[in-house]
Protein backbone atom coordinates (compact mmCIF):
# COMPACT_ATOMS: atom_id res chain seq x y z
CA MET A 1 24.92 -38.60 -16.08
CA ARG A 2 23.18 -36.15 -18.42
CA ASP A 3 23.53 -32.48 -17.54
CA GLN A 4 20.43 -30.75 -16.31
CA PRO A 5 19.07 -28.05 -18.68
CA GLN A 6 19.59 -24.52 -17.49
CA GLN A 7 16.51 -22.98 -15.91
CA PRO A 8 15.23 -19.65 -17.23
CA GLU A 9 15.64 -16.70 -14.97
CA GLY A 10 12.53 -15.70 -13.01
CA ALA A 11 10.97 -12.32 -12.54
CA ILE A 12 9.17 -10.36 -9.90
CA ALA A 13 5.52 -10.13 -10.81
CA GLY A 14 4.95 -6.47 -9.98
CA THR A 15 5.55 -4.76 -6.69
CA GLY A 16 2.06 -4.98 -5.21
CA MET A 17 0.88 -6.98 -2.26
CA GLY A 18 0.28 -10.09 -4.32
CA GLY A 19 3.60 -10.00 -6.15
CA ALA A 20 5.60 -13.18 -6.35
CA MET A 21 9.02 -14.06 -7.62
CA ASP A 22 10.29 -16.99 -9.59
CA LEU A 23 14.05 -16.89 -9.40
CA GLY A 24 14.80 -20.28 -10.93
CA ALA A 25 17.19 -22.74 -9.37
CA SER A 26 19.61 -21.70 -6.70
CA GLU A 27 22.35 -22.04 -9.30
CA ALA A 28 20.54 -19.78 -11.79
CA VAL A 29 22.75 -17.28 -13.57
CA THR A 30 21.97 -13.77 -14.63
CA LEU A 31 22.35 -12.28 -18.06
CA GLU A 32 24.55 -9.39 -17.10
CA ARG A 33 27.96 -9.19 -18.78
CA THR A 34 31.01 -8.72 -16.62
CA PRO A 35 34.60 -7.87 -17.50
CA GLY A 36 35.92 -11.16 -16.15
CA GLY A 37 33.91 -13.57 -18.30
CA PRO A 38 30.89 -14.15 -20.50
CA ALA A 39 27.36 -13.07 -19.61
CA GLY A 40 26.28 -14.21 -16.15
CA THR A 41 29.75 -15.19 -14.95
CA GLY A 42 32.18 -13.74 -12.48
CA PRO A 43 35.88 -12.93 -12.97
CA ALA A 44 36.82 -16.61 -12.65
CA GLY A 45 34.21 -17.71 -15.19
CA ARG A 46 31.92 -19.18 -12.51
CA PRO A 47 28.15 -18.50 -12.66
CA ARG A 48 27.00 -15.70 -10.37
CA SER A 49 23.88 -15.99 -8.24
CA LEU A 50 21.08 -13.47 -8.13
CA TRP A 51 22.24 -12.34 -4.70
CA SER A 52 25.78 -11.53 -5.82
CA ASP A 53 24.40 -9.60 -8.79
CA ALA A 54 21.97 -7.76 -6.52
CA TRP A 55 24.74 -6.79 -4.09
CA ARG A 56 26.86 -5.59 -7.01
CA ASP A 57 24.01 -3.38 -8.21
CA LEU A 58 23.26 -2.06 -4.74
CA ARG A 59 26.84 -0.92 -4.22
CA ARG A 60 26.54 1.19 -7.37
CA ASN A 61 23.15 2.66 -6.49
CA PRO A 62 23.45 6.12 -4.86
CA VAL A 63 19.93 5.84 -3.43
CA PHE A 64 20.90 2.66 -1.58
CA LEU A 65 24.17 4.14 -0.33
CA LEU A 66 22.50 7.32 0.94
CA SER A 67 19.65 5.51 2.68
CA ALA A 68 22.05 2.93 4.14
CA LEU A 69 24.23 5.68 5.63
CA VAL A 70 21.19 7.33 7.22
CA ILE A 71 20.02 4.01 8.64
CA LEU A 72 23.47 3.14 9.98
CA PHE A 73 23.60 6.52 11.69
CA LEU A 74 20.17 5.91 13.23
CA VAL A 75 21.25 2.49 14.48
CA PHE A 76 24.41 4.02 15.94
CA ILE A 77 22.59 6.73 17.91
CA SER A 78 20.01 4.15 18.99
CA LEU A 79 22.76 2.05 20.56
CA TRP A 80 24.91 4.93 21.88
CA PRO A 81 22.82 8.11 22.07
CA SER A 82 25.16 9.60 24.65
CA ALA A 83 27.86 9.72 21.97
CA ILE A 84 26.26 12.81 20.41
CA ALA A 85 23.85 14.01 23.12
CA SER A 86 24.85 14.86 26.67
CA GLY A 87 22.48 14.85 29.58
CA SER A 88 19.30 12.92 30.23
CA PRO A 89 16.19 13.26 28.06
CA LEU A 90 14.11 13.23 31.25
CA THR A 91 15.86 16.26 32.76
CA CYS A 92 13.65 19.31 32.31
CA ASP A 93 13.64 22.91 33.58
CA LEU A 94 10.32 24.75 33.49
CA ALA A 95 12.16 28.07 33.56
CA LYS A 96 13.36 27.32 30.01
CA ALA A 97 9.99 26.13 28.65
CA GLN A 98 9.49 26.94 24.96
CA ASP A 99 12.85 28.72 24.74
CA GLY A 100 14.68 28.72 21.43
CA ALA A 101 18.13 27.42 20.56
CA ALA A 102 20.80 27.88 23.21
CA PRO A 103 24.28 26.51 23.95
CA GLY A 104 23.89 22.81 24.65
CA ALA A 105 20.35 22.86 23.23
CA PRO A 106 20.61 23.58 19.49
CA PHE A 107 16.97 22.56 18.95
CA GLY A 108 15.62 24.63 21.84
CA TYR A 109 13.31 23.49 24.64
CA ASP A 110 9.79 22.04 24.63
CA GLY A 111 6.77 23.03 26.70
CA GLN A 112 8.15 21.27 29.78
CA GLY A 113 11.61 22.77 29.47
CA CYS A 114 13.17 19.55 28.16
CA ASN A 115 16.08 19.65 25.73
CA VAL A 116 14.52 18.93 22.31
CA TYR A 117 17.85 17.88 20.80
CA THR A 118 18.51 15.30 23.51
CA ARG A 119 14.98 13.92 23.33
CA THR A 120 15.13 13.72 19.53
CA VAL A 121 18.37 11.73 19.67
CA TYR A 122 17.11 9.36 22.38
CA GLY A 123 13.77 8.99 20.59
CA ALA A 124 15.47 7.14 17.75
CA ARG A 125 16.04 4.13 20.02
CA ALA A 126 12.34 3.37 20.49
CA SER A 127 11.45 3.89 16.84
CA VAL A 128 14.29 1.77 15.45
CA THR A 129 13.72 -0.98 18.03
CA VAL A 130 10.01 -1.20 17.28
CA GLY A 131 10.58 -1.12 13.51
CA LEU A 132 13.28 -3.81 13.46
CA CYS A 133 11.62 -6.17 15.95
CA ALA A 134 8.18 -5.84 14.36
CA THR A 135 9.58 -6.42 10.87
CA LEU A 136 11.55 -9.47 12.00
CA GLY A 137 8.54 -10.98 13.75
CA VAL A 138 6.18 -10.28 10.85
CA ALA A 139 8.64 -11.67 8.29
CA LEU A 140 9.27 -14.89 10.22
CA LEU A 141 5.65 -15.63 11.12
CA GLY A 142 4.23 -14.62 7.75
CA SER A 143 6.88 -16.48 5.76
CA VAL A 144 6.41 -19.74 7.67
CA LEU A 145 2.61 -19.72 7.53
CA GLY A 146 2.40 -18.50 3.95
CA GLY A 147 5.15 -20.83 2.74
CA LEU A 148 3.51 -23.90 4.26
CA ALA A 149 0.12 -22.92 2.84
CA GLY A 150 1.56 -22.37 -0.63
CA TYR A 151 3.49 -25.62 -0.63
CA PHE A 152 0.93 -28.03 0.80
CA GLY A 153 -2.25 -26.27 -0.37
CA GLY A 154 -5.56 -27.98 0.30
CA VAL A 155 -7.40 -27.36 3.54
CA TRP A 156 -4.41 -25.63 5.15
CA ASP A 157 -4.31 -23.08 2.32
CA SER A 158 -8.06 -22.47 2.45
CA VAL A 159 -8.08 -21.94 6.22
CA LEU A 160 -5.11 -19.57 6.13
CA SER A 161 -6.67 -17.56 3.31
CA ARG A 162 -9.87 -17.02 5.31
CA VAL A 163 -7.91 -16.11 8.44
CA THR A 164 -5.86 -13.53 6.54
CA ASP A 165 -9.06 -12.05 5.13
CA ILE A 166 -10.33 -11.55 8.68
CA PHE A 167 -7.14 -9.79 9.76
CA PHE A 168 -7.13 -7.60 6.66
CA ALA A 169 -10.62 -6.40 7.63
CA ILE A 170 -9.35 -4.96 10.95
CA PRO A 171 -8.38 -1.25 10.70
CA VAL A 172 -4.85 -0.95 12.02
CA VAL A 173 -5.20 2.31 13.95
CA LEU A 174 -8.61 1.37 15.36
CA GLY A 175 -7.27 -2.04 16.35
CA GLY A 176 -4.37 -0.36 18.11
CA LEU A 177 -6.70 1.96 20.01
CA VAL A 178 -8.75 -1.00 21.20
CA LEU A 179 -6.02 -3.53 21.97
CA LEU A 180 -3.31 -1.24 23.36
CA SER A 181 -5.62 0.96 25.45
CA VAL A 182 -5.73 -1.74 28.14
CA VAL A 183 -1.94 -2.17 28.25
CA THR A 184 -0.11 -0.35 31.05
CA SER A 185 3.45 -1.40 30.15
CA ASN A 186 5.90 1.34 29.18
CA THR A 187 8.07 -0.98 27.09
CA VAL A 188 8.08 -1.42 23.32
CA TRP A 189 7.00 -5.07 23.39
CA PRO A 190 3.20 -4.60 23.50
CA VAL A 191 3.49 -2.34 20.45
CA VAL A 192 5.73 -4.86 18.69
CA GLY A 193 3.33 -7.69 19.49
CA PHE A 194 0.38 -5.71 18.14
CA MET A 195 2.21 -4.98 14.87
CA VAL A 196 3.16 -8.64 14.43
CA LEU A 197 -0.41 -9.70 15.15
CA LEU A 198 -1.87 -7.49 12.42
CA GLY A 199 1.11 -7.45 10.05
CA TRP A 200 1.81 -11.11 9.32
CA PRO A 201 -1.08 -11.62 6.81
CA GLN A 202 0.56 -9.21 4.37
CA ILE A 203 3.83 -11.16 4.32
CA SER A 204 2.04 -14.51 4.31
CA ARG A 205 0.31 -13.72 1.03
CA ILE A 206 3.59 -12.65 -0.55
CA ALA A 207 5.32 -15.83 0.68
CA ARG A 208 2.41 -18.02 -0.42
CA GLY A 209 2.46 -16.65 -3.97
CA ALA A 210 6.24 -16.93 -4.20
CA VAL A 211 6.22 -20.56 -3.01
CA ILE A 212 3.39 -21.52 -5.39
CA THR A 213 5.40 -20.09 -8.29
CA ALA A 214 8.68 -21.67 -7.19
CA LYS A 215 7.32 -25.18 -6.60
CA GLN A 216 6.16 -25.42 -10.22
CA ASN A 217 9.71 -25.18 -11.58
CA ASP A 218 11.40 -28.18 -13.14
CA TYR A 219 14.20 -28.39 -10.57
CA VAL A 220 11.62 -28.82 -7.78
CA GLN A 221 9.85 -31.54 -9.74
CA ALA A 222 13.19 -33.24 -10.35
CA ALA A 223 14.07 -33.13 -6.65
CA ARG A 224 10.69 -34.64 -5.78
CA ALA A 225 11.16 -37.37 -8.40
CA LEU A 226 14.55 -38.22 -6.88
CA GLY A 227 12.87 -38.81 -3.51
CA ALA A 228 13.74 -35.58 -1.70
CA SER A 229 11.67 -34.98 1.42
CA ASP A 230 9.28 -32.05 1.74
CA SER A 231 11.49 -30.36 4.30
CA ARG A 232 14.54 -30.61 2.04
CA ILE A 233 12.61 -29.30 -0.96
CA LEU A 234 11.28 -26.37 1.06
CA LEU A 235 14.56 -25.41 2.70
CA ARG A 236 17.01 -26.27 -0.07
CA HIS A 237 15.18 -25.49 -3.29
CA ILE A 238 12.10 -23.31 -2.67
CA ALA A 239 13.00 -21.02 0.23
CA PRO A 240 16.15 -19.49 -1.35
CA ASN A 241 14.20 -18.68 -4.50
CA ALA A 242 11.04 -17.41 -2.77
CA VAL A 243 12.57 -15.22 -0.07
CA ALA A 244 13.43 -12.24 -2.29
CA PRO A 245 9.93 -10.72 -2.53
CA VAL A 246 9.49 -11.17 1.22
CA ILE A 247 12.70 -9.22 1.85
CA VAL A 248 11.56 -6.42 -0.46
CA VAL A 249 8.14 -6.04 1.15
CA ALA A 250 9.51 -6.35 4.69
CA THR A 251 12.15 -3.67 4.07
CA ILE A 252 9.57 -1.20 2.81
CA ALA A 253 7.15 -2.12 5.61
CA LEU A 254 9.80 -1.38 8.23
CA GLY A 255 9.38 2.35 7.65
CA THR A 256 5.62 1.91 7.89
CA TYR A 257 5.93 0.24 11.29
CA ILE A 258 8.06 3.12 12.57
CA ALA A 259 5.41 5.60 11.42
CA LEU A 260 2.68 3.43 13.01
CA GLU A 261 4.50 3.40 16.35
CA ALA A 262 4.70 7.21 16.26
CA THR A 263 1.00 7.42 15.38
CA LEU A 264 -0.04 5.14 18.24
CA SER A 265 2.23 6.99 20.67
CA TYR A 266 0.77 10.30 19.48
CA LEU A 267 -2.71 8.97 20.23
CA GLY A 268 -1.60 7.89 23.70
CA VAL A 269 -1.90 4.10 23.29
CA GLY A 270 1.60 3.25 22.05
CA LEU A 271 4.63 4.08 24.15
CA LYS A 272 3.80 6.11 27.22
CA PRO A 273 5.82 8.53 29.37
CA PRO A 274 8.43 8.32 30.79
CA SER A 275 9.43 6.47 27.61
CA VAL A 276 11.07 8.71 25.02
CA SER A 277 9.49 8.55 21.58
CA TRP A 278 9.11 10.88 18.65
CA GLY A 279 5.36 10.28 18.71
CA ILE A 280 5.15 11.28 22.38
CA ASP A 281 7.16 14.45 21.74
CA ILE A 282 5.04 15.41 18.72
CA SER A 283 1.89 14.92 20.77
CA ALA A 284 3.25 16.99 23.68
CA ALA A 285 4.39 19.80 21.36
CA SER A 286 1.13 20.06 19.38
CA PRO A 287 -0.57 22.52 21.78
CA TYR A 288 2.46 24.85 21.56
CA ILE A 289 2.92 24.78 17.80
CA ARG A 290 2.38 28.55 17.46
CA ASN A 291 4.65 29.63 20.31
CA ALA A 292 7.30 26.90 20.03
CA PRO A 293 7.13 25.25 16.58
CA HIS A 294 10.70 23.96 16.97
CA ALA A 295 9.55 21.51 19.64
CA LEU A 296 7.36 19.79 17.05
CA LEU A 297 9.33 20.24 13.84
CA TRP A 298 12.54 18.52 14.98
CA PRO A 299 11.07 15.19 16.15
CA ALA A 300 8.62 15.24 13.22
CA GLY A 301 11.50 15.85 10.82
CA ALA A 302 13.53 13.02 12.35
CA LEU A 303 10.54 10.70 12.00
CA ALA A 304 9.96 11.67 8.36
CA LEU A 305 13.66 11.23 7.51
CA THR A 306 13.76 7.79 9.11
CA VAL A 307 10.65 6.54 7.31
CA LEU A 308 11.93 7.96 4.01
CA ALA A 309 15.31 6.25 4.45
CA PHE A 310 13.74 2.81 4.93
CA ILE A 311 11.35 3.28 2.02
CA MET A 312 14.23 4.33 -0.24
CA LEU A 313 16.23 1.31 0.93
CA GLY A 314 13.31 -0.98 0.12
CA ASP A 315 12.93 0.55 -3.35
CA ALA A 316 16.64 0.05 -4.05
CA VAL A 317 16.49 -3.58 -2.89
CA ARG A 318 13.42 -4.19 -5.06
CA ASP A 319 15.14 -2.79 -8.13
CA ALA A 320 18.26 -4.88 -7.49
CA LEU A 321 16.28 -8.10 -7.13
CA ASP A 322 14.07 -7.53 -10.18
CA PRO A 323 15.53 -9.36 -13.19
CA LYS A 324 13.33 -7.32 -15.55
CA LEU A 325 15.42 -4.25 -14.79
CA ARG A 326 18.73 -5.89 -15.74
């Protein structure tokens, strides 16, 4: 049987919302030289995949390592906040309202006499939960709808394109004010559902463009000529080579969803007391910014650091998955 010709390595077409990636066949090799073999091979002389090359680059990227450490710390305190913060975030003493740093309260007290340090630590749980769940839901829904539209085309593609245009026309913050103002639940799930509802069109366009690019490759045409079913072509040949741009956009968007949750909570339509959220604390501390700026600066700083860490992680992943930068 004649050997198949080697497919050229794909590239990420920009980093914008319409970017798409053509990564070649799942067995595609990279052009990076390693000590163990010729270009594009590992120590044993076997071809390396894009993912192994990307992981190798990420481990050497200080931006990725720093952001990953920050994110791991945030995940840790989200799961076990009591490990570094004693007491309850709902325990307040009006006699200590707006007081500065004190033993057991290194960040001072807010306008209600609550421990700012404890509330800042416990506030990470809501933000990380909303960000991760919203990103997962958006990535799954957008990838499935966009991938099917890009693969089958026709009426399905036309309908999905018009639907995404409608959702893109809805202002996110205004939509949150309208949709979440009627919700009385104190859990994170209404906020997550709202973000998935308005966030999936972004990922669907990325997935659609990536699938359209990937299905035009020779190895997909060969699989179709050999009688492979649509489901096998999608799952075995197209999905592994079209998922990279979705991962990049979703990772960067995760920080955006965390900032959006804080914004909606600040406006009073996101999470509501007695839930603990950085947005709620920033909103409560705003009237006292002159007398007790520490009550606002610490949760705001934690929010900014979290968003920055996820954006830096997304940038590092994008650079590692971009063959043009190799």
